[in-house]
Amino acid sequence: MRIERQGDGVRIELSAAEVRLLRQALERASFIDTPVSAQADIAAFCARALEALPTK
């Protein structure tokens, strides 16, 4: 994993194995107890990230 700060943002470079781990973590993140006020934002973020990640 390589992480670079770019102004207010961050760029993360992952290996294929790390992408698989991130995909699993994001799929499960929507099931973790979170404050009700944050659930919609977390679910939306996870969905966008999962759609952007390569499947293989």
C-alpha atoms as a PDB file:
ATOM      1  CA  MET A   1       0.000   0.000   0.000  1.00  0.00           C
ATOM      2  CA  ARG A   2       1.257   3.458  -0.877  1.00  0.00           C
ATOM      3  CA  ILE A   3      -0.422   6.567   0.500  1.00  0.00           C
ATOM      4  CA  GLU A   4       0.272  10.099  -0.759  1.00  0.00           C
ATOM      5  CA  ARG A   5      -1.241  13.349   0.465  1.00  0.00           C
ATOM      6  CA  GLN A   6      -2.385  15.714  -2.294  1.00  0.00           C
ATOM      7  CA  GLY A   7      -3.592  18.988  -0.830  1.00  0.00           C
ATOM      8  CA  ASP A   8      -6.804  18.233   1.017  1.00  0.00           C
ATOM      9  CA  GLY A   9      -7.017  14.778  -0.561  1.00  0.00           C
ATOM     10  CA  VAL A  10      -5.206  11.482  -0.282  1.00  0.00           C
ATOM     11  CA  ARG A  11      -4.172   9.053  -3.026  1.00  0.00           C
ATOM     12  CA  ILE A  12      -3.973   5.381  -2.053  1.00  0.00           C
ATOM     13  CA  GLU A  13      -2.314   2.815  -4.306  1.00  0.00           C
ATOM     14  CA  LEU A  14      -3.228  -0.807  -3.553  1.00  0.00           C
ATOM     15  CA  SER A  15      -2.017  -4.161  -4.804  1.00  0.00           C
ATOM     16  CA  ALA A  16      -4.576  -6.620  -6.171  1.00  0.00           C
ATOM     17  CA  ALA A  17      -4.581  -8.483  -2.838  1.00  0.00           C
ATOM     18  CA  GLU A  18      -5.169  -5.220  -0.952  1.00  0.00           C
ATOM     19  CA  VAL A  19      -8.052  -4.324  -3.292  1.00  0.00           C
ATOM     20  CA  ARG A  20      -9.711  -7.632  -2.388  1.00  0.00           C
ATOM     21  CA  LEU A  21      -9.261  -6.848   1.312  1.00  0.00           C
ATOM     22  CA  LEU A  22     -10.655  -3.336   0.869  1.00  0.00           C
ATOM     23  CA  ARG A  23     -13.664  -4.701  -1.016  1.00  0.00           C
ATOM     24  CA  GLN A  24     -14.392  -7.113   1.850  1.00  0.00           C
ATOM     25  CA  ALA A  25     -13.987  -4.350   4.431  1.00  0.00           C
ATOM     26  CA  LEU A  26     -16.320  -1.993   2.543  1.00  0.00           C
ATOM     27  CA  GLU A  27     -18.947  -4.703   2.119  1.00  0.00           C
ATOM     28  CA  ARG A  28     -18.948  -5.252   5.855  1.00  0.00           C
ATOM     29  CA  ALA A  29     -18.655  -1.585   6.861  1.00  0.00           C
ATOM     30  CA  SER A  30     -22.301  -0.956   6.097  1.00  0.00           C
ATOM     31  CA  PHE A  31     -23.230  -3.506   8.777  1.00  0.00           C
ATOM     32  CA  ILE A  32     -21.120  -2.026  11.582  1.00  0.00           C
ATOM     33  CA  ASP A  33     -22.984  -0.097  14.264  1.00  0.00           C
ATOM     34  CA  THR A  34     -22.752   3.572  13.399  1.00  0.00           C
ATOM     35  CA  PRO A  35     -24.681   6.589  14.595  1.00  0.00           C
ATOM     36  CA  VAL A  36     -27.996   6.881  12.770  1.00  0.00           C
ATOM     37  CA  SER A  37     -26.984  10.323  11.536  1.00  0.00           C
ATOM     38  CA  ALA A  38     -23.942   8.874   9.720  1.00  0.00           C
ATOM     39  CA  GLN A  39     -25.451   5.665   8.302  1.00  0.00           C
ATOM     40  CA  ALA A  40     -26.648   7.121   4.989  1.00  0.00           C
ATOM     41  CA  ASP A  41     -23.315   8.845   4.289  1.00  0.00           C
ATOM     42  CA  ILE A  42     -21.331   5.700   5.150  1.00  0.00           C
ATOM     43  CA  ALA A  43     -23.569   3.496   3.004  1.00  0.00           C
ATOM     44  CA  ALA A  44     -23.284   5.912   0.074  1.00  0.00           C
ATOM     45  CA  PHE A  45     -19.497   6.123   0.416  1.00  0.00           C
ATOM     46  CA  CYS A  46     -19.147   2.330   0.551  1.00  0.00           C
ATOM     47  CA  ALA A  47     -21.389   1.918  -2.504  1.00  0.00           C
ATOM     48  CA  ARG A  48     -19.390   4.478  -4.542  1.00  0.00           C
ATOM     49  CA  ALA A  49     -16.074   2.912  -3.532  1.00  0.00           C
ATOM     50  CA  LEU A  50     -17.270  -0.624  -4.303  1.00  0.00           C
ATOM     51  CA  GLU A  51     -18.523   0.454  -7.735  1.00  0.00           C
ATOM     52  CA  ALA A  52     -15.143   2.071  -8.508  1.00  0.00           C
ATOM     53  CA  LEU A  53     -12.991  -0.859  -7.377  1.00  0.00           C
ATOM     54  CA  PRO A  54     -12.017  -3.459  -9.962  1.00  0.00           C
ATOM     55  CA  THR A  55     -13.684  -6.815  -9.430  1.00  0.00           C
ATOM     56  CA  LYS A  56     -10.556  -8.836 -10.245  1.00  0.00           C
END
